[in-house]
């Protein structure tokens, strides 16, 4: 490939549901040049998020949809190769919203932070110390507000966000109940992420096992799925329970939205609260979360898993793979060497 070119993943058509490989294409584009105040970054890891589904959707969302023909929006971590800003020099590792591409020239102000590899691997900057870990941290502690002795229930409990939520809840003295899919992930929840109870929603006995697990009620529900799983959990809310809506992974189509049971009465009786959570609302406090999370990881108090694909050609199908449940941990794509 010409040294003035790079590979990029662009959105070629608008999906009506979960984006598939056919909605993207790997193309060759120009390698960017720098203007004053900009930094040139060689991407090493590309992140894959369930939230990407919303980023490419036509439906109203919290950000403008990625344009057809544009590079796919994505968090990445890479290394500075050239800089026209005094705060960054060649060799620095940085993370930010740099897109599914090999190189990015970005305004220095858009870089989220420099990344150190002294205590933890570089890849963690996009997972347990990135958007996922920060989501777990603020979503649980700020919206869920757990106190010692609470029962905290987490859906997609083996995922990159859910696994961190469960462990942080344990660190705060809570009982944790995880909901996940498949016996392998159920065992991971128990053996690696320390859940007190883990229930497999694919099991024929799921409903019975879930109700047994929730016998003492729910104080905090961290919801990553919506749908019938959440319908069941919400019937067991304790007095003054808090429900954090972080994701809706079980909903394959948003138009029309599926309608579940009406919750008005049980919310009234329990005096419970349901709150939507978006990590971008805490952008000014990311450093606070990263410091705490890094300490926990370095001390072995916070475990994590990563599912790393090899090469930019893996990107088009990677979002669909998340929704199929292919990954066993935070999904990343490595496109160059550290």
Protein backbone atom coordinates (compact mmCIF):
# COMPACT_ATOMS: atom_id res chain seq x y z
CA UNK A 1 0.00 0.00 0.00
CA UNK A 2 1.20 3.53 -0.82
CA UNK A 3 2.74 5.20 2.25
CA UNK A 4 0.45 8.18 1.67
CA UNK A 5 -2.60 5.92 2.04
CA UNK A 6 -4.26 4.14 4.92
CA UNK A 7 -7.06 1.67 5.49
CA UNK A 8 -10.35 2.94 6.87
CA UNK A 9 -13.73 1.37 7.66
CA UNK A 10 -16.63 3.42 6.31
CA UNK A 11 -20.38 3.11 6.74
CA UNK A 12 -21.87 2.25 3.33
CA UNK A 13 -25.59 1.89 4.15
CA UNK A 14 -27.96 2.58 7.02
CA UNK A 15 -29.00 -0.51 9.01
CA UNK A 16 -32.58 -0.85 10.21
CA UNK A 17 -31.55 -2.88 13.25
CA UNK A 18 -28.24 -4.33 14.39
CA UNK A 19 -25.47 -3.29 11.95
CA UNK A 20 -24.06 -6.18 9.95
CA UNK A 21 -20.86 -6.63 7.95
CA UNK A 22 -22.70 -5.64 4.76
CA UNK A 23 -23.22 -2.11 6.11
CA UNK A 24 -19.47 -1.39 6.18
CA UNK A 25 -16.54 -1.51 3.79
CA UNK A 26 -12.78 -1.40 4.27
CA UNK A 27 -11.41 1.22 1.88
CA UNK A 28 -8.17 3.02 1.15
CA UNK A 29 -8.05 6.68 1.99
CA UNK A 30 -5.42 9.37 2.31
CA UNK A 31 -3.11 9.37 5.30
CA UNK A 32 -3.81 12.68 7.07
CA UNK A 33 -1.46 15.63 7.35
CA UNK A 34 -1.21 17.99 10.31
CA UNK A 35 -2.37 21.53 10.90
CA UNK A 36 -1.28 23.68 13.84
CA UNK A 37 -2.65 22.39 17.13
CA UNK A 38 -3.18 18.89 15.79
CA UNK A 39 -1.71 15.51 16.67
CA UNK A 40 -1.13 12.58 14.29
CA UNK A 41 -2.00 9.23 15.86
CA UNK A 42 -1.26 5.69 14.68
CA UNK A 43 -4.12 3.61 15.99
CA UNK A 44 -3.22 0.34 17.71
CA UNK A 45 -6.52 -0.84 19.21
CA UNK A 46 -10.01 -0.12 17.89
CA UNK A 47 -12.93 -0.48 20.28
CA UNK A 48 -16.21 -2.24 19.50
CA UNK A 49 -19.22 -1.06 21.53
CA UNK A 50 -22.88 -2.10 21.68
CA UNK A 51 -23.56 1.66 21.57
CA UNK A 52 -22.31 1.73 17.97
CA UNK A 53 -25.68 0.42 16.94
CA UNK A 54 -27.20 3.72 18.04
CA UNK A 55 -24.42 5.74 16.40
CA UNK A 56 -25.36 4.47 12.92
CA UNK A 57 -29.15 4.46 13.38
CA UNK A 58 -31.60 6.88 11.77
CA UNK A 59 -33.70 7.01 14.93
CA UNK A 60 -33.23 9.84 17.38
CA UNK A 61 -30.24 9.23 19.65
CA UNK A 62 -27.88 11.16 21.89
CA UNK A 63 -25.47 11.94 19.02
CA UNK A 64 -25.65 12.68 15.31
CA UNK A 65 -25.65 9.47 13.25
CA UNK A 66 -22.47 8.55 11.40
CA UNK A 67 -22.88 9.79 7.82
CA UNK A 68 -23.00 7.36 4.93
CA UNK A 69 -19.51 7.21 3.44
CA UNK A 70 -17.87 8.46 6.64
CA UNK A 71 -15.27 6.64 8.74
CA UNK A 72 -17.00 4.68 11.50
CA UNK A 73 -16.97 6.55 14.79
CA UNK A 74 -15.04 4.62 17.43
CA UNK A 75 -12.93 4.97 20.52
CA UNK A 76 -9.34 3.94 19.85
CA UNK A 77 -5.98 3.91 21.54
CA UNK A 78 -2.82 4.66 19.61
CA UNK A 79 0.59 6.27 19.61
CA UNK A 80 1.50 9.81 18.65
CA UNK A 81 3.76 9.83 15.56
CA UNK A 82 3.84 13.60 15.01
CA UNK A 83 2.58 16.59 16.94
CA UNK A 84 2.00 20.29 16.48
CA UNK A 85 0.83 20.79 20.04
CA UNK A 86 3.11 21.35 23.01
CA UNK A 87 1.27 18.89 25.29
CA UNK A 88 2.00 15.86 23.11
CA UNK A 89 5.18 14.39 21.65
CA UNK A 90 5.97 11.45 19.41
CA UNK A 91 5.81 8.23 21.39
CA UNK A 92 2.95 9.25 23.71
CA UNK A 93 0.09 6.77 24.00
CA UNK A 94 -3.32 8.44 23.84
CA UNK A 95 -6.97 7.48 23.66
CA UNK A 96 -9.98 9.21 22.16
CA UNK A 97 -12.71 9.09 19.54
CA UNK A 98 -10.38 8.62 16.56
CA UNK A 99 -12.42 6.26 14.37
CA UNK A 100 -11.97 2.89 12.68
CA UNK A 101 -8.87 3.79 10.68
CA UNK A 102 -5.12 3.32 10.79
CA UNK A 103 -4.18 6.99 11.28
CA UNK A 104 -6.03 10.04 12.57
CA UNK A 105 -5.10 13.72 12.70
CA UNK A 106 -7.04 15.24 15.58
CA UNK A 107 -7.30 18.51 17.43
CA UNK A 108 -5.34 18.04 20.66
CA UNK A 109 -8.38 19.15 22.65
CA UNK A 110 -10.30 16.06 21.52
CA UNK A 111 -7.80 13.63 23.07
CA UNK A 112 -9.37 12.14 26.19
CA UNK A 113 -6.13 11.39 28.01
CA UNK A 114 -2.59 10.10 27.79
CA UNK A 115 -2.28 6.41 28.62
CA UNK A 116 0.41 4.90 30.80
CA UNK A 117 1.48 1.26 30.48
CA UNK A 118 3.51 1.16 33.71
CA UNK A 119 0.90 -0.68 35.80
CA UNK A 120 -1.61 -2.14 33.33
CA UNK A 121 -1.63 -3.19 29.63
CA UNK A 122 -2.37 -0.60 26.94
CA UNK A 123 -5.51 -2.45 25.85
CA UNK A 124 -7.23 -1.75 29.17
CA UNK A 125 -7.57 1.91 28.16
CA UNK A 126 -10.52 0.90 25.96
CA UNK A 127 -12.13 -1.56 28.36
CA UNK A 128 -11.91 -1.73 32.12
CA UNK A 129 -10.10 1.65 32.22
CA UNK A 130 -12.03 3.03 29.25
CA UNK A 131 -15.64 3.66 28.34
CA UNK A 132 -16.80 0.34 29.80
CA UNK A 133 -15.17 0.64 33.20
CA UNK A 134 -16.09 4.30 33.51
CA UNK A 135 -19.70 3.46 32.62
CA UNK A 136 -19.75 0.79 35.33
CA UNK A 137 -18.17 3.14 37.87
CA UNK A 138 -20.44 6.15 37.48
CA UNK A 139 -23.53 4.18 36.46
CA UNK A 140 -23.43 2.10 39.62
CA UNK A 141 -22.04 4.58 42.15
CA UNK A 142 -23.78 7.77 40.98
CA UNK A 143 -27.08 6.47 39.58
CA UNK A 144 -27.40 3.20 41.50
CA UNK A 145 -26.06 4.58 44.79
CA UNK A 146 -25.46 1.19 46.43
CA UNK A 147 -24.83 0.86 50.15
CA UNK A 148 -23.31 -2.08 51.99
CA UNK A 149 -25.80 -4.90 52.33
CA UNK A 150 -27.78 -4.01 49.20
CA UNK A 151 -28.64 -6.66 46.62
CA UNK A 152 -27.36 -5.55 43.22
CA UNK A 153 -28.61 -7.35 40.10
CA UNK A 154 -26.75 -6.99 36.79
CA UNK A 155 -27.85 -8.11 33.33
CA UNK A 156 -25.17 -9.05 30.74
CA UNK A 157 -23.17 -9.76 33.87
CA UNK A 158 -20.18 -11.30 32.05
CA UNK A 159 -19.83 -8.40 29.61
CA UNK A 160 -17.27 -5.61 29.73
CA UNK A 161 -19.60 -3.26 31.63
CA UNK A 162 -21.56 -5.81 33.64
CA UNK A 163 -18.50 -7.64 34.95
CA UNK A 164 -17.08 -4.38 36.29
CA UNK A 165 -20.42 -3.39 37.85
CA UNK A 166 -20.63 -6.66 39.75
CA UNK A 167 -17.11 -6.40 41.09
CA UNK A 168 -17.45 -2.75 42.12
CA UNK A 169 -20.67 -3.64 43.93
CA UNK A 170 -18.80 -6.38 45.82
CA UNK A 171 -16.07 -3.90 46.73
CA UNK A 172 -18.82 -1.74 48.24
CA UNK A 173 -20.12 -4.61 50.39
CA UNK A 174 -23.14 -5.63 48.32
CA UNK A 175 -24.62 -9.00 47.43
CA UNK A 176 -24.42 -9.49 43.65
CA UNK A 177 -26.65 -11.46 41.30
CA UNK A 178 -25.60 -11.75 37.66
CA UNK A 179 -27.72 -12.65 34.64
CA UNK A 180 -25.86 -13.96 31.59
CA UNK A 181 -26.22 -16.30 28.62
CA UNK A 182 -24.77 -19.81 28.65
CA UNK A 183 -23.16 -22.04 31.24
CA UNK A 184 -19.62 -20.94 30.33
CA UNK A 185 -20.39 -17.29 31.00
CA UNK A 186 -22.32 -18.21 34.14
CA UNK A 187 -19.22 -19.94 35.54
CA UNK A 188 -17.05 -16.95 34.57
CA UNK A 189 -19.40 -14.69 36.54
CA UNK A 190 -18.93 -16.86 39.62
CA UNK A 191 -15.28 -17.85 39.31
CA UNK A 192 -13.66 -14.71 37.83
CA UNK A 193 -16.00 -11.83 38.65
CA UNK A 194 -17.06 -12.96 42.12
CA UNK A 195 -20.84 -12.87 41.77
CA UNK A 196 -22.66 -14.47 44.69
CA UNK A 197 -25.25 -15.92 42.32
CA UNK A 198 -25.30 -16.20 38.52
CA UNK A 199 -28.29 -17.25 36.42
CA UNK A 200 -28.27 -18.41 32.78
CA UNK A 201 -31.13 -16.86 30.81
CA UNK A 202 -30.71 -19.55 28.11
CA UNK A 203 -31.50 -22.30 30.60
CA UNK A 204 -34.90 -24.00 30.53
CA UNK A 205 -35.15 -23.36 34.28
CA UNK A 206 -34.26 -19.66 34.00
CA UNK A 207 -37.54 -18.18 35.27
CA UNK A 208 -37.64 -20.44 38.29
CA UNK A 209 -33.95 -19.94 39.08
CA UNK A 210 -34.21 -16.16 38.70
CA UNK A 211 -37.18 -15.88 41.02
CA UNK A 212 -35.36 -18.03 43.57
CA UNK A 213 -32.27 -15.81 43.33
CA UNK A 214 -34.40 -12.68 43.75
CA UNK A 215 -36.30 -14.02 46.76
CA UNK A 216 -34.90 -11.26 49.00
CA UNK A 217 -35.76 -8.52 46.51
CA UNK A 218 -33.66 -6.07 44.49
CA UNK A 219 -32.16 -2.83 45.78
CA UNK A 220 -30.21 -1.87 42.65
CA UNK A 221 -30.80 -3.21 39.15
CA UNK A 222 -28.16 -2.35 36.56
CA UNK A 223 -30.02 -2.99 33.31
CA UNK A 224 -28.10 -3.62 30.09
CA UNK A 225 -30.79 -5.58 28.26
CA UNK A 226 -34.38 -4.36 28.75
CA UNK A 227 -36.99 -6.84 27.48
CA UNK A 228 -38.41 -9.85 29.28
CA UNK A 229 -35.40 -10.27 31.58
CA UNK A 230 -35.89 -6.81 32.98
CA UNK A 231 -39.65 -7.28 33.17
CA UNK A 232 -39.03 -10.17 35.56
CA UNK A 233 -36.43 -8.38 37.69
CA UNK A 234 -38.62 -5.31 38.11
CA UNK A 235 -41.32 -7.37 39.82
CA UNK A 236 -38.94 -7.84 42.76
CA UNK A 237 -37.99 -4.25 43.55
CA UNK A 238 -37.47 -3.45 47.21
CA UNK A 239 -38.49 -0.26 48.97
CA UNK A 240 -36.63 2.72 47.46
CA UNK A 241 -34.93 0.52 44.84
CA UNK A 242 -32.87 2.16 42.09
CA UNK A 243 -32.91 0.96 38.46
CA UNK A 244 -30.12 2.12 36.13
CA UNK A 245 -30.98 1.87 32.43
CA UNK A 246 -27.60 1.52 30.73
CA UNK A 247 -28.45 -0.53 27.64
CA UNK A 248 -31.25 -2.22 25.71
CA UNK A 249 -29.38 -5.10 24.08
CA UNK A 250 -32.40 -7.40 23.83
CA UNK A 251 -34.36 -5.00 21.63
CA UNK A 252 -33.53 -5.77 18.00
CA UNK A 253 -35.84 -3.15 16.46
CA UNK A 254 -36.58 0.33 17.82
CA UNK A 255 -39.48 1.20 15.54
CA UNK A 256 -41.98 0.32 16.76
CA UNK A 257 -40.66 -0.12 20.29
CA UNK A 258 -41.82 -3.33 21.99
CA UNK A 259 -44.14 -2.73 24.92
CA UNK A 260 -43.76 -4.64 28.17
CA UNK A 261 -45.93 -4.64 31.29
CA UNK A 262 -46.95 -1.35 32.83
CA UNK A 263 -44.78 -0.67 35.88
CA UNK A 264 -46.64 2.26 37.39
CA UNK A 265 -48.14 0.38 40.33
CA UNK A 266 -45.04 -1.52 41.44
CA UNK A 267 -42.90 1.63 41.18
CA UNK A 268 -45.46 3.46 43.29
CA UNK A 269 -45.68 0.78 45.97
CA UNK A 270 -41.88 0.34 46.17
CA UNK A 271 -41.27 4.10 45.82
CA UNK A 272 -38.58 3.03 43.36
CA UNK A 273 -36.65 5.12 40.86
CA UNK A 274 -35.70 4.35 37.25
CA UNK A 275 -32.98 6.48 35.69
CA UNK A 276 -31.37 6.45 32.26
CA UNK A 277 -27.58 6.60 32.31
CA UNK A 278 -25.19 7.97 29.67
CA UNK A 279 -21.49 8.00 30.49
CA UNK A 280 -20.85 11.05 28.29
CA UNK A 281 -22.58 13.13 30.97
CA UNK A 282 -19.56 12.47 33.22
CA UNK A 283 -16.84 13.45 30.74
CA UNK A 284 -15.37 16.05 33.09
CA UNK A 285 -14.89 13.39 35.78
CA UNK A 286 -13.33 10.56 33.73
CA UNK A 287 -9.99 11.02 35.47
CA UNK A 288 -11.54 10.33 38.86
CA UNK A 289 -12.90 7.00 37.68
CA UNK A 290 -9.74 5.94 35.82
CA UNK A 291 -7.58 6.55 38.90
CA UNK A 292 -9.79 4.38 41.11
CA UNK A 293 -10.26 1.67 38.50
CA UNK A 294 -6.54 1.46 37.74
CA UNK A 295 -5.74 1.05 41.42
CA UNK A 296 -8.23 -1.80 41.72
CA UNK A 297 -6.88 -3.53 38.59
CA UNK A 298 -3.24 -3.14 39.65
CA UNK A 299 -4.02 -4.56 43.10
CA UNK A 300 -5.91 -7.55 41.65
CA UNK A 301 -9.26 -6.38 43.03
CA UNK A 302 -10.89 -5.87 39.62
CA UNK A 303 -10.66 -8.63 37.02
CA UNK A 304 -11.37 -8.24 33.32
CA UNK A 305 -11.48 -10.22 30.10
CA UNK A 306 -10.61 -9.10 26.57
CA UNK A 307 -11.64 -10.51 23.21
CA UNK A 308 -9.07 -9.18 20.72
CA UNK A 309 -9.62 -9.63 16.98
CA UNK A 310 -6.67 -9.36 14.59
CA UNK A 311 -6.70 -6.87 11.74
CA UNK A 312 -8.93 -4.10 10.45
CA UNK A 313 -10.73 -6.56 8.15
CA UNK A 314 -12.43 -7.91 11.28
CA UNK A 315 -14.21 -4.61 11.92
CA UNK A 316 -17.28 -4.83 9.63
CA UNK A 317 -18.78 -7.88 11.38
CA UNK A 318 -17.57 -7.04 14.88
CA UNK A 319 -20.68 -5.18 16.10
CA UNK A 320 -23.03 -7.91 14.93
CA UNK A 321 -20.77 -10.38 16.73
CA UNK A 322 -21.36 -8.57 20.02
CA UNK A 323 -25.11 -8.98 19.67
CA UNK A 324 -24.67 -12.65 18.72
CA UNK A 325 -22.72 -13.10 21.96
CA UNK A 326 -19.55 -14.24 20.15
CA UNK A 327 -17.17 -12.36 22.44
CA UNK A 328 -15.87 -13.48 25.82
CA UNK A 329 -14.89 -10.12 27.25
CA UNK A 330 -14.30 -6.61 26.00
CA UNK A 331 -14.12 -6.71 22.20
CA UNK A 332 -11.15 -4.95 20.61
CA UNK A 333 -9.50 -5.03 17.20
CA UNK A 334 -5.71 -4.77 17.08
CA UNK A 335 -4.51 -3.21 13.83
CA UNK A 336 -0.84 -2.43 14.58
CA UNK A 337 1.90 -3.28 17.04
CA UNK A 338 2.53 -1.49 20.32
